[in-house]
Amino acid sequence: MSIELEHFEDHLHVLIAERGRAYVDAGHVLMLEETAEGWTAVIEGSESYQVLLVGHDVIHEWHCTCPFVHGPVCKHVAAALYAARDAIRINRAAAGGEMDHFIDQADPAVLRQFVKAEIRRHPAVRESLYKEMHKTPGDTPPVH
């Protein structure tokens, strides 16, 4: 069976889909990477499980290292499907200028609150913002 990533929920049991979405929303997708063959993910459950999705916009096969045996798709695969679809949608929005539009139209207070939350959650964002805010006029990036 192959499933289109854009409409994969149509092929999942509703509880599996809900649990997969909950895993994504709770930050249990520790890693998602697009490869030449499809997608790989690490999903944190009672243990860390590896998920492989074969295909990009259409998924032809999926595998998870969890012991689930009650159906073709476990909640970890569902989480990987949601995360992959979200990644595709975000990349399309960024490429199409939609993200720039969001920022340009954002209420400054909402944008400040968002930045504050992100610097608390992501050390790389915190470091990048710190460096940007501490530049002096005429600073040039080092040459490597």
C-alpha atoms as a PDB file:
ATOM      1  CA  MET A   1       0.000   0.000   0.000  1.00  0.00           C
ATOM      2  CA  SER A   2       1.224   3.510  -0.819  1.00  0.00           C
ATOM      3  CA  ILE A   3      -0.112   6.641   0.841  1.00  0.00           C
ATOM      4  CA  GLU A   4       0.086  10.286  -0.159  1.00  0.00           C
ATOM      5  CA  LEU A   5       1.795  12.257   2.564  1.00  0.00           C
ATOM      6  CA  GLU A   6      -0.675  15.114   2.167  1.00  0.00           C
ATOM      7  CA  HIS A   7      -3.655  12.861   3.058  1.00  0.00           C
ATOM      8  CA  PHE A   8      -2.144  10.010   5.056  1.00  0.00           C
ATOM      9  CA  GLU A   9      -4.646  10.317   7.945  1.00  0.00           C
ATOM     10  CA  ASP A  10      -7.306   8.817   5.665  1.00  0.00           C
ATOM     11  CA  HIS A  11      -5.393   5.518   5.931  1.00  0.00           C
ATOM     12  CA  LEU A  12      -4.808   5.465   9.711  1.00  0.00           C
ATOM     13  CA  HIS A  13      -6.942   4.462  12.630  1.00  0.00           C
ATOM     14  CA  VAL A  14      -8.102   7.696  14.284  1.00  0.00           C
ATOM     15  CA  LEU A  15      -6.451   6.841  17.634  1.00  0.00           C
ATOM     16  CA  ILE A  16      -3.097   6.128  15.976  1.00  0.00           C
ATOM     17  CA  ALA A  17      -3.336   9.430  14.083  1.00  0.00           C
ATOM     18  CA  GLU A  18      -4.203  11.318  17.294  1.00  0.00           C
ATOM     19  CA  ARG A  19      -1.309   9.751  19.185  1.00  0.00           C
ATOM     20  CA  GLY A  20       1.094  10.509  16.349  1.00  0.00           C
ATOM     21  CA  ARG A  21       0.010  14.172  16.266  1.00  0.00           C
ATOM     22  CA  ALA A  22       0.336  14.352  20.057  1.00  0.00           C
ATOM     23  CA  TYR A  23       3.909  13.045  19.819  1.00  0.00           C
ATOM     24  CA  VAL A  24       4.786  15.778  17.314  1.00  0.00           C
ATOM     25  CA  ASP A  25       3.079  18.505  19.342  1.00  0.00           C
ATOM     26  CA  ALA A  26       4.857  17.372  22.525  1.00  0.00           C
ATOM     27  CA  GLY A  27       8.268  17.493  20.834  1.00  0.00           C
ATOM     28  CA  HIS A  28       8.859  13.735  20.784  1.00  0.00           C
ATOM     29  CA  VAL A  29      10.218  13.808  17.222  1.00  0.00           C
ATOM     30  CA  LEU A  30      13.873  14.125  18.169  1.00  0.00           C
ATOM     31  CA  MET A  31      15.191  13.969  14.626  1.00  0.00           C
ATOM     32  CA  LEU A  32      13.710  14.114  11.140  1.00  0.00           C
ATOM     33  CA  GLU A  33      15.872  13.981   8.057  1.00  0.00           C
ATOM     34  CA  GLU A  34      14.989  13.805   4.391  1.00  0.00           C
ATOM     35  CA  THR A  35      17.191  11.358   2.499  1.00  0.00           C
ATOM     36  CA  ALA A  36      17.455  10.264  -1.114  1.00  0.00           C
ATOM     37  CA  GLU A  37      15.139   7.321  -0.310  1.00  0.00           C
ATOM     38  CA  GLY A  38      12.605   9.185   1.833  1.00  0.00           C
ATOM     39  CA  TRP A  39      12.646  10.168   5.493  1.00  0.00           C
ATOM     40  CA  THR A  40      14.303   8.932   8.674  1.00  0.00           C
ATOM     41  CA  ALA A  41      13.168   9.922  12.138  1.00  0.00           C
ATOM     42  CA  VAL A  42      13.858   9.252  15.782  1.00  0.00           C
ATOM     43  CA  ILE A  43      10.751   9.313  17.943  1.00  0.00           C
ATOM     44  CA  GLU A  44      10.969   9.354  21.731  1.00  0.00           C
ATOM     45  CA  GLY A  45       8.412   7.089  23.350  1.00  0.00           C
ATOM     46  CA  SER A  46       9.007   4.749  26.268  1.00  0.00           C
ATOM     47  CA  GLU A  47      12.322   4.338  24.390  1.00  0.00           C
ATOM     48  CA  SER A  48      13.785   5.983  21.306  1.00  0.00           C
ATOM     49  CA  TYR A  49      12.482   4.372  18.126  1.00  0.00           C
ATOM     50  CA  GLN A  50      13.831   4.722  14.607  1.00  0.00           C
ATOM     51  CA  VAL A  51      11.337   5.218  11.798  1.00  0.00           C
ATOM     52  CA  LEU A  52      12.010   4.897   8.083  1.00  0.00           C
ATOM     53  CA  LEU A  53       9.576   6.238   5.491  1.00  0.00           C
ATOM     54  CA  VAL A  54      10.359   5.153   1.924  1.00  0.00           C
ATOM     55  CA  GLY A  55       9.239   7.821  -0.510  1.00  0.00           C
ATOM     56  CA  HIS A  56       8.836  11.575  -0.365  1.00  0.00           C
ATOM     57  CA  ASP A  57       5.379  12.924  -1.293  1.00  0.00           C
ATOM     58  CA  VAL A  58       4.064   9.369  -1.644  1.00  0.00           C
ATOM     59  CA  ILE A  59       5.186   6.895   1.008  1.00  0.00           C
ATOM     60  CA  HIS A  60       5.576   3.351  -0.349  1.00  0.00           C
ATOM     61  CA  GLU A  61       6.888   1.598   2.775  1.00  0.00           C
ATOM     62  CA  TRP A  62       7.422   2.370   6.445  1.00  0.00           C
ATOM     63  CA  HIS A  63       9.265   0.664   9.257  1.00  0.00           C
ATOM     64  CA  CYS A  64       9.566   1.296  12.983  1.00  0.00           C
ATOM     65  CA  THR A  65      11.774  -0.390  15.556  1.00  0.00           C
ATOM     66  CA  CYS A  66       8.964  -0.506  18.148  1.00  0.00           C
ATOM     67  CA  PRO A  67       7.230  -3.810  18.971  1.00  0.00           C
ATOM     68  CA  PHE A  68       3.741  -2.691  17.783  1.00  0.00           C
ATOM     69  CA  VAL A  69       1.926  -5.569  16.034  1.00  0.00           C
ATOM     70  CA  HIS A  70      -1.733  -4.482  15.991  1.00  0.00           C
ATOM     71  CA  GLY A  71      -1.834  -2.837  12.598  1.00  0.00           C
ATOM     72  CA  PRO A  72       0.202  -1.606   9.714  1.00  0.00           C
ATOM     73  CA  VAL A  73       1.048   1.785  11.281  1.00  0.00           C
ATOM     74  CA  CYS A  74       2.149   2.563  14.842  1.00  0.00           C
ATOM     75  CA  LYS A  75       1.990   5.944  16.560  1.00  0.00           C
ATOM     76  CA  HIS A  76       5.719   6.481  15.913  1.00  0.00           C
ATOM     77  CA  VAL A  77       5.246   6.102  12.155  1.00  0.00           C
ATOM     78  CA  ALA A  78       2.228   8.417  12.386  1.00  0.00           C
ATOM     79  CA  ALA A  79       4.400  10.988  14.192  1.00  0.00           C
ATOM     80  CA  ALA A  80       7.052  10.706  11.468  1.00  0.00           C
ATOM     81  CA  LEU A  81       4.377  11.148   8.782  1.00  0.00           C
ATOM     82  CA  TYR A  82       3.061  14.302  10.474  1.00  0.00           C
ATOM     83  CA  ALA A  83       6.580  15.657  10.951  1.00  0.00           C
ATOM     84  CA  ALA A  84       7.543  14.999   7.318  1.00  0.00           C
ATOM     85  CA  ARG A  85       4.368  16.623   6.029  1.00  0.00           C
ATOM     86  CA  ASP A  86       4.891  19.603   8.337  1.00  0.00           C
ATOM     87  CA  ALA A  87       8.483  19.948   7.060  1.00  0.00           C
ATOM     88  CA  ILE A  88       7.308  19.952   3.444  1.00  0.00           C
ATOM     89  CA  ARG A  89       4.610  22.546   4.183  1.00  0.00           C
ATOM     90  CA  ILE A  90       7.054  24.775   6.072  1.00  0.00           C
ATOM     91  CA  ASN A  91       9.643  24.574   3.278  1.00  0.00           C
ATOM     92  CA  ARG A  92       7.013  25.454   0.678  1.00  0.00           C
ATOM     93  CA  ALA A  93       5.813  28.392   2.779  1.00  0.00           C
ATOM     94  CA  ALA A  94       9.382  29.673   3.181  1.00  0.00           C
ATOM     95  CA  ALA A  95      10.169  29.272  -0.526  1.00  0.00           C
ATOM     96  CA  GLY A  96       6.952  31.020  -1.521  1.00  0.00           C
ATOM     97  CA  GLY A  97       7.588  34.041   0.698  1.00  0.00           C
ATOM     98  CA  GLU A  98       4.761  33.181   3.083  1.00  0.00           C
ATOM     99  CA  MET A  99       7.078  33.238   6.112  1.00  0.00           C
ATOM    100  CA  ASP A 100       8.338  36.707   5.205  1.00  0.00           C
ATOM    101  CA  HIS A 101       4.717  37.829   4.899  1.00  0.00           C
ATOM    102  CA  PHE A 102       3.910  36.408   8.362  1.00  0.00           C
ATOM    103  CA  ILE A 103       6.821  38.312   9.893  1.00  0.00           C
ATOM    104  CA  ASP A 104       6.044  41.546   8.050  1.00  0.00           C
ATOM    105  CA  GLN A 105       2.408  41.435   9.183  1.00  0.00           C
ATOM    106  CA  ALA A 106       2.999  40.217  12.748  1.00  0.00           C
ATOM    107  CA  ASP A 107       2.036  42.274  15.761  1.00  0.00           C
ATOM    108  CA  PRO A 108       5.422  43.383  17.238  1.00  0.00           C
ATOM    109  CA  ALA A 109       4.420  42.230  20.734  1.00  0.00           C
ATOM    110  CA  VAL A 110       3.521  38.768  19.436  1.00  0.00           C
ATOM    111  CA  LEU A 111       6.781  38.585  17.493  1.00  0.00           C
ATOM    112  CA  ARG A 112       8.811  39.607  20.579  1.00  0.00           C
ATOM    113  CA  GLN A 113       7.055  36.952  22.679  1.00  0.00           C
ATOM    114  CA  PHE A 114       7.762  34.334  20.014  1.00  0.00           C
ATOM    115  CA  VAL A 115      11.462  35.238  19.860  1.00  0.00           C
ATOM    116  CA  LYS A 116      11.733  35.114  23.661  1.00  0.00           C
ATOM    117  CA  ALA A 117      10.175  31.648  23.742  1.00  0.00           C
ATOM    118  CA  GLU A 118      12.417  30.365  20.958  1.00  0.00           C
ATOM    119  CA  ILE A 119      15.644  31.602  22.565  1.00  0.00           C
ATOM    120  CA  ARG A 120      14.682  29.767  25.756  1.00  0.00           C
ATOM    121  CA  ARG A 121      14.063  26.514  23.874  1.00  0.00           C
ATOM    122  CA  HIS A 122      16.886  26.593  21.311  1.00  0.00           C
ATOM    123  CA  PRO A 123      20.484  27.351  22.313  1.00  0.00           C
ATOM    124  CA  ALA A 124      21.535  27.912  18.676  1.00  0.00           C
ATOM    125  CA  VAL A 125      18.836  30.583  18.230  1.00  0.00           C
ATOM    126  CA  ARG A 126      19.873  32.191  21.518  1.00  0.00           C
ATOM    127  CA  GLU A 127      23.525  32.271  20.412  1.00  0.00           C
ATOM    128  CA  SER A 128      22.681  33.627  16.974  1.00  0.00           C
ATOM    129  CA  LEU A 129      20.494  36.393  18.403  1.00  0.00           C
ATOM    130  CA  TYR A 130      23.134  37.316  20.975  1.00  0.00           C
ATOM    131  CA  LYS A 131      25.815  37.605  18.308  1.00  0.00           C
ATOM    132  CA  GLU A 132      23.527  39.641  16.040  1.00  0.00           C
ATOM    133  CA  MET A 133      22.593  42.055  18.822  1.00  0.00           C
ATOM    134  CA  HIS A 134      26.241  42.543  19.862  1.00  0.00           C
ATOM    135  CA  LYS A 135      27.602  43.466  16.452  1.00  0.00           C
ATOM    136  CA  THR A 136      29.193  46.850  16.190  1.00  0.00           C
ATOM    137  CA  PRO A 137      28.951  48.955  13.039  1.00  0.00           C
ATOM    138  CA  GLY A 138      31.613  47.879  10.603  1.00  0.00           C
ATOM    139  CA  ASP A 139      31.897  44.326  11.966  1.00  0.00           C
ATOM    140  CA  THR A 140      32.658  41.878   9.246  1.00  0.00           C
ATOM    141  CA  PRO A 141      32.360  38.116   9.465  1.00  0.00           C
ATOM    142  CA  PRO A 142      35.669  36.227   9.819  1.00  0.00           C
ATOM    143  CA  VAL A 143      37.138  34.739   6.661  1.00  0.00           C
ATOM    144  CA  HIS A 144      37.625  30.964   6.760  1.00  0.00           C
END
